[in-house]
């Protein structure tokens, strides 16, 4: 079952007839696109958000809902620390219930190696003044008293939180719509037009729109729009399975990874549950694009992936011969949840938290995570294409970055400066060889 999109408002209708000219066109209606549109609308700019599928219909509403600063690549930590005040005020700003809970995040150390890795990452936290701590076994037991085995300790950040993905992106969209943002569902951007090298408009499935600014925030399809502009990124899509359970005993608002599960408990007692930080790679011809970037990483990260030889290969072939516009490709990819991961996660949940053995899985879904080989996104305004902004490749931890990325992109579009040093996130790092090794791929 797909998680779908949280209902916005009966008056939110997307445009059939597009505006002739806007200040910015955004390709993609996930959290990055909708947050950027909202912040631009607050500055009085006219914005058109185009999506080849439905509003917030892909990964942004299929995420776990962790809002974490810990265990990230050092380049991301300042951005996430700047994001936390935005999250803390977001329900008030949007005047919508987003299920914000700030109960911290705990990564369990099940081995001495885990503990050593967490101690090492503690140096990153201390560099930025983040409130991360390495907890002892006894401290873990005190923090999460329902946990059957506190193992060897854990990595804990008290200021981390959680929110409901089905509410946040649609919330940004609703408030943006009320401020004048145009939304066009089932209307993909098919080409970006330039004059003297600078952006002058976009071609969409419903016609041409004049603009001097474009943000590509199209998730796993972003590379398709970048390639004709001479910008190549080795972007891939992997499949992640998530479930939601019936309500269970209260174990707190701390997001948790360990003992074979990744989970957070919502205020109503239900649990968003995954098979720890695991994902599936569906083998197809698409995997060959950029495979040379990923294959050297697989030995070190093999525990995070499982290759699947399934119907994806034939499905990919059919799509290639379907006659669809290459910029659109598959309009609304439907990621199927992996049944064995659902069962394994539910069993592991009962072992880790005996008081939750009676909860039932009431829905499951999957999403396609857009990954890049160094595990961090592209946040860029390439000088060779004046007017272009890029926000893509968030490697499964982009939901938490949505508000700050929206702020940065809107500021970059209006002032020409993002307000942060984003050199590590440049698009050119893959061409010039400066891309580093990933802390994790998602």
Protein backbone atom coordinates (compact mmCIF):
# COMPACT_ATOMS: atom_id res chain seq x y z
CA UNK A 1 0.00 0.00 0.00
CA UNK A 2 1.25 3.47 -0.86
CA UNK A 3 1.23 6.01 1.94
CA UNK A 4 -0.32 8.56 -0.38
CA UNK A 5 -0.42 12.26 0.17
CA UNK A 6 -1.91 13.78 3.28
CA UNK A 7 -5.09 15.70 2.31
CA UNK A 8 -4.32 19.38 1.96
CA UNK A 9 -7.45 21.45 1.65
CA UNK A 10 -10.57 21.10 -0.52
CA UNK A 11 -9.75 24.39 -2.26
CA UNK A 12 -6.25 23.32 -3.39
CA UNK A 13 -6.63 22.67 -7.09
CA UNK A 14 -3.62 22.39 -9.38
CA UNK A 15 -3.39 24.41 -12.56
CA UNK A 16 -4.43 23.16 -15.98
CA UNK A 17 -3.56 26.44 -17.68
CA UNK A 18 -0.08 27.57 -16.77
CA UNK A 19 1.05 31.16 -16.21
CA UNK A 20 2.87 32.66 -19.19
CA UNK A 21 5.75 33.97 -17.08
CA UNK A 22 6.96 33.51 -13.48
CA UNK A 23 9.96 34.47 -11.39
CA UNK A 24 10.89 30.82 -10.82
CA UNK A 25 9.90 27.39 -12.11
CA UNK A 26 10.52 24.46 -9.78
CA UNK A 27 10.75 20.94 -11.21
CA UNK A 28 9.60 18.56 -8.48
CA UNK A 29 6.98 18.89 -5.74
CA UNK A 30 8.80 17.06 -2.96
CA UNK A 31 9.83 18.76 0.26
CA UNK A 32 12.69 20.69 -1.36
CA UNK A 33 10.51 22.10 -4.11
CA UNK A 34 7.50 22.90 -1.91
CA UNK A 35 9.61 24.44 0.88
CA UNK A 36 11.46 26.62 -1.63
CA UNK A 37 8.20 27.68 -3.25
CA UNK A 38 6.76 28.61 0.14
CA UNK A 39 9.75 30.74 1.17
CA UNK A 40 9.86 32.45 -2.25
CA UNK A 41 6.16 33.25 -2.02
CA UNK A 42 6.78 34.95 1.33
CA UNK A 43 9.14 37.28 -0.53
CA UNK A 44 6.48 38.10 -3.09
CA UNK A 45 7.93 36.14 -6.01
CA UNK A 46 5.74 34.30 -8.51
CA UNK A 47 6.44 30.55 -8.60
CA UNK A 48 5.30 27.59 -10.67
CA UNK A 49 5.87 24.08 -9.27
CA UNK A 50 5.66 21.34 -11.91
CA UNK A 51 5.56 17.63 -11.17
CA UNK A 52 5.27 14.87 -13.74
CA UNK A 53 3.28 12.81 -11.21
CA UNK A 54 1.25 14.02 -8.23
CA UNK A 55 1.90 16.58 -5.55
CA UNK A 56 4.36 15.18 -2.98
CA UNK A 57 3.68 11.69 -4.35
CA UNK A 58 7.17 10.23 -4.15
CA UNK A 59 9.93 9.93 -1.53
CA UNK A 60 9.17 13.05 0.53
CA UNK A 61 5.97 11.47 1.88
CA UNK A 62 7.52 7.99 2.17
CA UNK A 63 10.38 8.83 4.53
CA UNK A 64 10.84 7.55 8.08
CA UNK A 65 10.31 11.00 9.58
CA UNK A 66 13.62 11.29 11.47
CA UNK A 67 14.84 14.87 11.89
CA UNK A 68 18.41 14.19 12.94
CA UNK A 69 21.70 16.00 13.06
CA UNK A 70 23.83 13.12 14.31
CA UNK A 71 25.88 10.65 12.27
CA UNK A 72 25.88 12.85 9.17
CA UNK A 73 28.70 13.81 6.87
CA UNK A 74 30.47 16.79 8.49
CA UNK A 75 29.48 19.00 5.55
CA UNK A 76 25.80 18.51 6.41
CA UNK A 77 26.02 19.18 10.15
CA UNK A 78 25.99 23.03 10.01
CA UNK A 79 22.97 22.91 7.70
CA UNK A 80 21.08 20.58 10.01
CA UNK A 81 21.93 22.62 13.07
CA UNK A 82 20.51 25.66 11.27
CA UNK A 83 17.45 23.59 10.35
CA UNK A 84 16.48 22.75 13.93
CA UNK A 85 15.13 26.22 14.89
CA UNK A 86 13.05 26.11 11.69
CA UNK A 87 11.62 22.73 12.68
CA UNK A 88 10.91 23.87 16.22
CA UNK A 89 8.81 26.76 14.90
CA UNK A 90 7.33 25.09 11.80
CA UNK A 91 3.96 24.04 13.23
CA UNK A 92 3.45 27.60 14.45
CA UNK A 93 4.61 29.13 11.17
CA UNK A 94 2.47 26.91 8.95
CA UNK A 95 -0.39 26.77 11.47
CA UNK A 96 -0.71 23.04 10.83
CA UNK A 97 -0.20 19.89 12.94
CA UNK A 98 3.04 18.29 11.72
CA UNK A 99 3.48 15.80 14.61
CA UNK A 100 6.72 17.47 15.66
CA UNK A 101 8.30 15.69 18.64
CA UNK A 102 11.79 16.50 19.93
CA UNK A 103 12.74 13.38 21.84
CA UNK A 104 16.26 12.86 20.51
CA UNK A 105 17.80 10.17 18.33
CA UNK A 106 19.69 7.08 19.51
CA UNK A 107 21.93 4.81 17.44
CA UNK A 108 22.63 1.66 19.45
CA UNK A 109 26.21 0.36 19.66
CA UNK A 110 25.87 -3.41 19.35
CA UNK A 111 29.60 -4.05 18.90
CA UNK A 112 32.87 -2.52 20.00
CA UNK A 113 33.36 -1.39 16.41
CA UNK A 114 30.08 0.53 16.52
CA UNK A 115 31.17 2.15 19.76
CA UNK A 116 34.52 3.11 18.26
CA UNK A 117 32.83 4.62 15.19
CA UNK A 118 30.49 6.64 17.40
CA UNK A 119 33.38 7.89 19.50
CA UNK A 120 35.07 9.00 16.29
CA UNK A 121 31.95 10.83 15.08
CA UNK A 122 31.73 12.55 18.47
CA UNK A 123 34.69 14.63 17.33
CA UNK A 124 32.56 15.98 14.48
CA UNK A 125 29.80 16.93 16.92
CA UNK A 126 32.25 18.67 19.21
CA UNK A 127 33.72 20.60 16.28
CA UNK A 128 30.31 22.21 15.67
CA UNK A 129 29.09 22.39 19.24
CA UNK A 130 26.35 19.81 18.73
CA UNK A 131 24.87 18.22 21.86
CA UNK A 132 25.70 14.63 20.82
CA UNK A 133 26.92 12.20 23.50
CA UNK A 134 28.14 8.63 23.57
CA UNK A 135 26.03 6.82 26.16
CA UNK A 136 27.05 3.87 28.29
CA UNK A 137 24.94 0.72 28.47
CA UNK A 138 23.36 1.94 31.73
CA UNK A 139 22.61 5.36 30.24
CA UNK A 140 20.89 3.74 27.25
CA UNK A 141 18.77 1.68 29.66
CA UNK A 142 17.77 4.86 31.48
CA UNK A 143 17.01 6.71 28.26
CA UNK A 144 14.87 3.91 26.78
CA UNK A 145 13.69 1.76 29.70
CA UNK A 146 11.60 -0.51 27.46
CA UNK A 147 14.64 -1.71 25.49
CA UNK A 148 15.38 -5.36 26.30
CA UNK A 149 19.12 -5.17 25.59
CA UNK A 150 20.94 -1.82 25.90
CA UNK A 151 23.95 -3.49 24.24
CA UNK A 152 27.25 -1.61 24.64
CA UNK A 153 25.83 1.91 24.66
CA UNK A 154 24.93 4.27 21.87
CA UNK A 155 25.19 7.60 20.12
CA UNK A 156 22.54 10.07 21.30
CA UNK A 157 21.59 13.61 20.31
CA UNK A 158 18.93 15.10 22.58
CA UNK A 159 18.05 17.97 20.24
CA UNK A 160 17.09 15.67 17.34
CA UNK A 161 13.42 15.17 16.61
CA UNK A 162 10.79 13.71 14.33
CA UNK A 163 7.83 14.84 12.22
CA UNK A 164 5.24 13.22 9.96
CA UNK A 165 6.33 13.28 6.27
CA UNK A 166 2.73 13.00 5.02
CA UNK A 167 1.95 16.32 6.66
CA UNK A 168 5.07 18.45 6.21
CA UNK A 169 5.49 18.66 2.43
CA UNK A 170 1.74 19.09 1.79
CA UNK A 171 1.78 21.72 4.54
CA UNK A 172 4.43 23.76 2.73
CA UNK A 173 2.43 23.31 -0.49
CA UNK A 174 -0.84 24.46 1.07
CA UNK A 175 0.61 27.63 2.55
CA UNK A 176 2.49 28.33 -0.68
CA UNK A 177 -0.69 27.86 -2.69
CA UNK A 178 -2.53 30.30 -0.46
CA UNK A 179 0.26 32.83 -1.09
CA UNK A 180 -0.08 32.48 -4.86
CA UNK A 181 2.20 29.57 -5.86
CA UNK A 182 0.98 27.75 -8.97
CA UNK A 183 1.07 23.95 -8.83
CA UNK A 184 0.82 21.76 -11.92
CA UNK A 185 0.42 18.02 -11.30
CA UNK A 186 0.93 15.53 -14.09
CA UNK A 187 2.93 18.21 -15.89
CA UNK A 188 6.64 17.56 -16.14
CA UNK A 189 9.34 19.95 -17.26
CA UNK A 190 10.65 18.51 -20.52
CA UNK A 191 13.34 21.05 -21.45
CA UNK A 192 15.08 24.12 -20.09
CA UNK A 193 15.49 26.93 -22.61
CA UNK A 194 18.49 29.28 -22.68
CA UNK A 195 19.48 32.49 -24.41
CA UNK A 196 23.16 33.46 -24.44
CA UNK A 197 23.71 30.63 -21.94
CA UNK A 198 21.27 31.96 -19.33
CA UNK A 199 17.89 30.44 -18.57
CA UNK A 200 15.00 32.17 -20.32
CA UNK A 201 12.18 29.65 -20.01
CA UNK A 202 11.05 26.06 -19.68
CA UNK A 203 9.08 23.74 -21.89
CA UNK A 204 6.49 21.73 -19.98
CA UNK A 205 3.97 19.11 -21.03
CA UNK A 206 1.33 21.86 -21.06
CA UNK A 207 3.30 24.55 -22.85
CA UNK A 208 6.08 27.07 -22.57
CA UNK A 209 6.64 29.29 -19.51
CA UNK A 210 9.04 32.24 -19.46
CA UNK A 211 11.35 32.45 -16.46
CA UNK A 212 14.89 33.45 -15.58
CA UNK A 213 15.24 30.99 -12.71
CA UNK A 214 14.76 27.23 -12.46
CA UNK A 215 15.21 24.91 -9.51
CA UNK A 216 15.70 21.24 -10.31
CA UNK A 217 14.47 19.32 -7.28
CA UNK A 218 13.07 16.30 -9.08
CA UNK A 219 14.49 13.56 -6.87
CA UNK A 220 15.77 10.52 -8.72
CA UNK A 221 14.77 12.05 -12.08
CA UNK A 222 16.88 15.19 -11.66
CA UNK A 223 19.75 13.83 -13.72
CA UNK A 224 17.44 13.64 -16.74
CA UNK A 225 16.93 17.42 -16.71
CA UNK A 226 20.57 18.18 -15.94
CA UNK A 227 22.12 16.07 -18.69
CA UNK A 228 20.92 18.21 -21.65
CA UNK A 229 22.50 21.21 -19.89
CA UNK A 230 25.88 19.48 -19.94
CA UNK A 231 25.73 18.64 -16.21
CA UNK A 232 26.26 14.97 -15.36
CA UNK A 233 25.68 13.46 -11.92
CA UNK A 234 25.93 9.70 -11.19
CA UNK A 235 22.50 9.55 -9.56
CA UNK A 236 20.89 6.20 -8.80
CA UNK A 237 17.65 5.07 -7.17
CA UNK A 238 17.44 2.37 -4.51
CA UNK A 239 14.29 1.00 -2.90
CA UNK A 240 13.54 1.30 0.81
CA UNK A 241 10.66 -0.45 2.62
CA UNK A 242 8.78 1.07 5.57
CA UNK A 243 5.79 -0.05 7.64
CA UNK A 244 3.42 1.48 10.12
CA UNK A 245 2.06 -0.53 13.04
CA UNK A 246 -1.02 -0.38 15.20
CA UNK A 247 -0.62 1.65 18.41
CA UNK A 248 1.45 0.04 21.16
CA UNK A 249 2.80 0.76 24.62
CA UNK A 250 4.46 4.16 25.02
CA UNK A 251 8.24 3.87 24.59
CA UNK A 252 8.89 7.58 24.12
CA UNK A 253 9.66 10.03 21.32
CA UNK A 254 13.28 8.98 20.76
CA UNK A 255 14.02 7.90 17.18
CA UNK A 256 15.98 4.64 17.30
CA UNK A 257 18.25 2.46 15.17
CA UNK A 258 19.57 -0.83 16.47
CA UNK A 259 18.83 -4.55 16.94
CA UNK A 260 17.75 -4.83 13.31
CA UNK A 261 15.20 -2.00 13.31
CA UNK A 262 14.88 1.67 12.51
CA UNK A 263 11.83 3.16 14.22
CA UNK A 264 10.08 6.15 15.69
CA UNK A 265 6.89 6.15 17.73
CA UNK A 266 4.27 8.72 16.84
CA UNK A 267 2.17 10.49 19.46
CA UNK A 268 -0.77 8.15 18.80
CA UNK A 269 1.40 5.15 19.73
CA UNK A 270 1.78 3.76 16.20
CA UNK A 271 5.30 3.08 14.98
CA UNK A 272 7.07 3.81 11.72
CA UNK A 273 9.24 0.74 11.30
CA UNK A 274 11.99 -0.36 8.92
CA UNK A 275 14.49 -3.18 8.59
CA UNK A 276 17.20 -0.98 10.11
CA UNK A 277 19.08 1.08 7.49
CA UNK A 278 18.64 -1.46 4.72
CA UNK A 279 17.69 -1.00 1.07
CA UNK A 280 17.27 -2.99 -2.12
CA UNK A 281 18.96 -2.48 -5.48
CA UNK A 282 16.71 -3.70 -8.28
CA UNK A 283 19.01 -4.83 -11.08
CA UNK A 284 18.16 -3.24 -14.42
CA UNK A 285 19.83 -1.43 -17.28
CA UNK A 286 19.45 1.79 -15.30
CA UNK A 287 21.86 0.46 -12.70
CA UNK A 288 24.63 0.39 -15.30
CA UNK A 289 24.52 4.19 -15.56
CA UNK A 290 27.06 5.35 -13.03
CA UNK A 291 27.78 1.82 -11.81
CA UNK A 292 31.52 2.47 -11.97
CA UNK A 293 31.05 4.99 -9.16
CA UNK A 294 29.19 2.58 -6.90
CA UNK A 295 30.80 -0.81 -7.42
CA UNK A 296 34.02 0.13 -5.55
CA UNK A 297 31.87 1.16 -2.55
CA UNK A 298 29.89 -2.05 -2.29
CA UNK A 299 32.44 -4.16 -0.36
CA UNK A 300 32.55 -1.64 2.49
CA UNK A 301 28.80 -1.00 2.47
CA UNK A 302 27.57 -4.45 1.41
CA UNK A 303 25.66 -4.89 4.68
CA UNK A 304 23.33 -2.03 3.72
CA UNK A 305 22.17 -3.45 0.37
CA UNK A 306 20.68 -6.49 -1.24
CA UNK A 307 20.65 -6.94 -5.00
CA UNK A 308 17.30 -8.07 -6.41
CA UNK A 309 16.86 -9.73 -9.79
CA UNK A 310 13.16 -9.31 -10.32
CA UNK A 311 10.64 -7.77 -12.70
CA UNK A 312 12.50 -4.46 -12.59
CA UNK A 313 14.73 -5.50 -15.49
CA UNK A 314 11.85 -6.20 -17.89
CA UNK A 315 9.96 -3.18 -16.60
CA UNK A 316 12.96 -1.00 -17.39
CA UNK A 317 13.13 -2.43 -20.92
CA UNK A 318 9.45 -1.73 -21.52
CA UNK A 319 9.87 1.86 -20.34
CA UNK A 320 12.77 2.39 -22.72
CA UNK A 321 10.64 1.37 -25.69
CA UNK A 322 7.46 3.10 -24.53
CA UNK A 323 8.05 6.24 -26.57
CA UNK A 324 7.90 8.50 -23.50
CA UNK A 325 9.83 11.75 -23.51
CA UNK A 326 13.29 10.96 -22.03
CA UNK A 327 12.90 13.86 -19.60
CA UNK A 328 9.72 12.28 -18.24
CA UNK A 329 10.52 8.56 -18.54
CA UNK A 330 8.27 6.74 -16.08
CA UNK A 331 5.67 9.19 -14.85
CA UNK A 332 4.77 7.75 -11.46
CA UNK A 333 7.17 4.98 -10.39
CA UNK A 334 5.52 2.60 -7.96
CA UNK A 335 8.00 1.08 -5.51
CA UNK A 336 6.81 -2.21 -4.05
CA UNK A 337 7.60 -2.98 -0.40
CA UNK A 338 9.81 -6.01 0.22
CA UNK A 339 7.73 -8.56 2.16
CA UNK A 340 10.66 -10.26 3.89
CA UNK A 341 11.88 -6.92 5.27
CA UNK A 342 8.45 -6.21 6.74
CA UNK A 343 8.35 -9.56 8.54
CA UNK A 344 11.95 -9.32 9.72
CA UNK A 345 11.46 -5.80 11.11
CA UNK A 346 8.26 -6.76 12.96
CA UNK A 347 9.96 -9.78 14.55
CA UNK A 348 13.01 -7.69 15.52
CA UNK A 349 10.75 -5.03 17.05
CA UNK A 350 9.18 -7.63 19.35
CA UNK A 351 12.58 -8.89 20.47
CA UNK A 352 13.95 -5.39 21.10
CA UNK A 353 10.80 -4.12 22.84
CA UNK A 354 8.88 -7.07 24.37
CA UNK A 355 5.95 -4.81 25.31
CA UNK A 356 5.39 -4.19 21.58
CA UNK A 357 5.12 -7.84 20.52
CA UNK A 358 1.37 -7.48 20.07
CA UNK A 359 1.43 -4.61 17.55
CA UNK A 360 0.37 -5.39 13.99
CA UNK A 361 1.65 -3.99 10.72
CA UNK A 362 -1.32 -2.12 9.29
CA UNK A 363 0.30 -0.67 6.17
CA UNK A 364 3.57 -0.93 4.29
CA UNK A 365 5.10 1.04 1.46
CA UNK A 366 8.37 1.62 -0.34
CA UNK A 367 10.08 4.59 -1.89
CA UNK A 368 12.90 5.19 -4.34
CA UNK A 369 15.77 6.95 -2.60
CA UNK A 370 17.93 9.04 -4.91
CA UNK A 371 21.56 8.43 -3.99
CA UNK A 372 24.93 9.84 -4.98
CA UNK A 373 28.23 7.97 -4.49
CA UNK A 374 29.59 10.25 -1.77
CA UNK A 375 26.38 10.15 0.27
CA UNK A 376 25.63 13.89 0.26
CA UNK A 377 23.36 15.95 -2.01
CA UNK A 378 24.00 18.40 -4.79
CA UNK A 379 23.14 21.94 -3.68
CA UNK A 380 24.44 24.22 -6.37
CA UNK A 381 23.97 27.13 -8.74
CA UNK A 382 26.38 26.20 -11.56
CA UNK A 383 28.00 29.25 -13.08
CA UNK A 384 27.86 27.76 -16.58
CA UNK A 385 24.05 27.90 -16.50
CA UNK A 386 23.04 31.29 -15.03
CA UNK A 387 19.65 31.11 -13.35
CA UNK A 388 19.85 27.38 -12.53
CA UNK A 389 19.63 25.99 -9.00
CA UNK A 390 19.92 22.31 -8.05
CA UNK A 391 18.76 20.48 -4.93
CA UNK A 392 18.87 16.72 -5.38
CA UNK A 393 20.57 13.46 -4.32
CA UNK A 394 19.67 13.54 -0.63
CA UNK A 395 20.51 9.85 -0.13
CA UNK A 396 17.58 9.03 2.13
CA UNK A 397 18.16 11.74 4.72
CA UNK A 398 16.72 14.74 2.89
CA UNK A 399 13.39 15.02 4.70
CA UNK A 400 15.09 16.58 7.73
CA UNK A 401 16.94 19.05 5.50
CA UNK A 402 13.82 20.25 3.69
CA UNK A 403 13.14 23.50 5.57
CA UNK A 404 16.76 24.71 5.56
CA UNK A 405 17.26 23.77 1.90
CA UNK A 406 14.07 25.63 1.01
CA UNK A 407 15.39 28.68 2.86
CA UNK A 408 18.80 28.48 1.18
CA UNK A 409 17.41 27.98 -2.31
CA UNK A 410 15.01 30.91 -1.95
CA UNK A 411 17.80 33.14 -0.64
CA UNK A 412 20.16 32.01 -3.40
CA UNK A 413 17.54 32.74 -6.04
CA UNK A 414 16.88 36.25 -4.80
CA UNK A 415 20.27 37.44 -3.53
CA UNK A 416 22.72 35.31 -5.49
CA UNK A 417 24.20 33.90 -2.28
CA UNK A 418 23.01 30.91 -0.21
CA UNK A 419 24.34 32.19 3.12
CA UNK A 420 26.35 29.00 3.76
CA UNK A 421 29.56 27.54 2.40
CA UNK A 422 28.18 24.87 0.05
CA UNK A 423 31.40 24.04 -1.80
CA UNK A 424 31.24 20.38 -0.71
CA UNK A 425 27.84 20.04 -2.40
CA UNK A 426 28.87 21.34 -5.83
CA UNK A 427 27.73 19.53 -8.94
CA UNK A 428 31.23 19.62 -10.45
CA UNK A 429 32.77 17.42 -7.74
CA UNK A 430 32.05 14.29 -9.75
CA UNK A 431 33.73 15.66 -12.87
CA UNK A 432 36.77 17.15 -11.14
CA UNK A 433 37.43 14.20 -8.81
CA UNK A 434 36.88 16.03 -5.52
CA UNK A 435 33.93 13.91 -4.39
CA UNK A 436 34.84 12.15 -1.15
CA UNK A 437 33.98 8.81 0.40
CA UNK A 438 30.53 8.47 1.96
CA UNK A 439 29.89 8.26 5.69
CA UNK A 440 26.90 6.23 4.58
CA UNK A 441 25.07 6.03 1.29
CA UNK A 442 21.67 6.81 2.84
